[in-house]
C-alpha atoms as a PDB file:
ATOM      1  CA  MET A   1      78.064  84.336  94.631  1.00  0.00           C
ATOM      2  CA  PRO A   2      74.568  84.773  92.958  1.00  0.00           C
ATOM      3  CA  GLY A   3      71.786  84.204  95.589  1.00  0.00           C
ATOM      4  CA  ALA A   4      73.910  84.431  98.308  1.00  0.00           C
ATOM      5  CA  GLU A   5      72.490  86.070 101.371  1.00  0.00           C
ATOM      6  CA  LEU A   6      74.374  89.191 102.709  1.00  0.00           C
ATOM      7  CA  GLY A   7      74.623  90.027 106.495  1.00  0.00           C
ATOM      8  CA  PRO A   8      74.117  93.570 107.500  1.00  0.00           C
ATOM      9  CA  THR A   9      75.417  96.151 105.281  1.00  0.00           C
ATOM     10  CA  ILE A  10      76.336  99.855 104.944  1.00  0.00           C
ATOM     11  CA  THR A  11      76.853 102.166 102.083  1.00  0.00           C
ATOM     12  CA  ALA A  12      80.245 102.753 101.388  1.00  0.00           C
ATOM     13  CA  MET A  13      80.718 106.300  99.918  1.00  0.00           C
ATOM     14  CA  PHE A  14      83.893 107.137  97.870  1.00  0.00           C
ATOM     15  CA  LYS A  15      85.017 110.810  98.854  1.00  0.00           C
ATOM     16  CA  ASP A  16      87.812 111.198  96.210  1.00  0.00           C
ATOM     17  CA  GLY A  17      89.998 109.321  93.680  1.00  0.00           C
ATOM     18  CA  PRO A  18      88.789 107.675  90.554  1.00  0.00           C
ATOM     19  CA  LEU A  19      85.357 106.475  92.045  1.00  0.00           C
ATOM     20  CA  ALA A  20      84.748 109.998  93.763  1.00  0.00           C
ATOM     21  CA  GLY A  21      80.946 110.625  94.425  1.00  0.00           C
ATOM     22  CA  ARG A  22      80.071 107.031  93.798  1.00  0.00           C
ATOM     23  CA  SER A  23      78.970 104.478  96.609  1.00  0.00           C
ATOM     24  CA  VAL A  24      78.495 100.673  96.914  1.00  0.00           C
ATOM     25  CA  GLU A  25      76.828  98.464  99.414  1.00  0.00           C
ATOM     26  CA  VAL A  26      79.367  96.337 101.592  1.00  0.00           C
ATOM     27  CA  GLU A  27      78.918  93.995 104.329  1.00  0.00           C
ATOM     28  CA  VAL A  28      79.789  95.123 107.897  1.00  0.00           C
ATOM     29  CA  LEU A  29      82.695  93.145 109.495  1.00  0.00           C
ATOM     30  CA  GLU A  30      82.198  92.465 113.327  1.00  0.00           C
ATOM     31  CA  GLY A  31      79.503  95.205 113.279  1.00  0.00           C
ATOM     32  CA  ARG A  32      81.920  97.984 111.769  1.00  0.00           C
ATOM     33  CA  PRO A  33      82.485  98.999 108.370  1.00  0.00           C
ATOM     34  CA  PRO A  34      85.508  97.481 106.743  1.00  0.00           C
ATOM     35  CA  LYS A  35      88.759  99.163 107.401  1.00  0.00           C
ATOM     36  CA  THR A  36      89.777  98.868 103.584  1.00  0.00           C
ATOM     37  CA  LEU A  37      87.707  98.294 100.269  1.00  0.00           C
ATOM     38  CA  ASP A  38      88.957  97.096  97.103  1.00  0.00           C
ATOM     39  CA  ALA A  39      86.594  98.238  94.196  1.00  0.00           C
ATOM     40  CA  PRO A  40      86.705  97.710  90.553  1.00  0.00           C
ATOM     41  CA  ALA A  41      87.563 100.738  88.385  1.00  0.00           C
ATOM     42  CA  ASP A  42      86.125 101.517  85.038  1.00  0.00           C
ATOM     43  CA  ASP A  43      89.146 100.416  83.352  1.00  0.00           C
ATOM     44  CA  GLY A  44      89.316  96.996  84.936  1.00  0.00           C
ATOM     45  CA  SER A  45      91.758  97.463  87.488  1.00  0.00           C
ATOM     46  CA  THR A  46      91.369  97.556  91.266  1.00  0.00           C
ATOM     47  CA  LEU A  47      91.247 100.559  93.529  1.00  0.00           C
ATOM     48  CA  ARG A  48      92.017 100.249  97.158  1.00  0.00           C
ATOM     49  CA  TYR A  49      90.123 102.802  99.545  1.00  0.00           C
ATOM     50  CA  CYS A  50      90.516 103.259 103.291  1.00  0.00           C
ATOM     51  CA  LEU A  51      87.861 104.254 105.967  1.00  0.00           C
ATOM     52  CA  GLU A  52      88.054 107.844 106.264  1.00  0.00           C
ATOM     53  CA  SER A  53      87.491 108.101 109.855  1.00  0.00           C
ATOM     54  CA  TRP A  54      87.382 105.319 112.683  1.00  0.00           C
ATOM     55  CA  VAL A  55      84.181 106.948 114.241  1.00  0.00           C
ATOM     56  CA  GLN A  56      81.172 106.853 111.943  1.00  0.00           C
ATOM     57  CA  SER A  57      77.610 106.571 112.668  1.00  0.00           C
ATOM     58  CA  GLY A  58      74.463 105.565 110.628  1.00  0.00           C
ATOM     59  CA  ARG A  59      74.010 103.411 107.546  1.00  0.00           C
ATOM     60  CA  SER A  60      76.934 104.694 105.645  1.00  0.00           C
ATOM     61  CA  ALA A  61      80.667 105.233 105.824  1.00  0.00           C
ATOM     62  CA  VAL A  62      83.128 107.609 103.895  1.00  0.00           C
ATOM     63  CA  TYR A  63      86.214 106.197 102.204  1.00  0.00           C
ATOM     64  CA  SER A  64      89.150 107.742 100.815  1.00  0.00           C
ATOM     65  CA  PHE A  65      91.205 106.858  97.826  1.00  0.00           C
ATOM     66  CA  LEU A  66      94.752 105.182  98.567  1.00  0.00           C
ATOM     67  CA  TYR A  67      95.921 103.538  95.417  1.00  0.00           C
ATOM     68  CA  ARG A  68      95.759 101.135  92.441  1.00  0.00           C
ATOM     69  CA  VAL A  69      96.231  97.397  93.421  1.00  0.00           C
END
């Protein structure tokens, strides 16, 4: 929603799959990175990524490719 204020965010870094090497800002949930992320692919489809490790620190989190939604 344009103009909407986001809460605290982290940088989600995509480790592999179609978005390997890219990153996006995502809102944290209950003080933690989201377990899964759905991200748009270049072809218009949606890609699902999963948090690489439950223990992460700092302002970023690494995500691994799961599948196309």
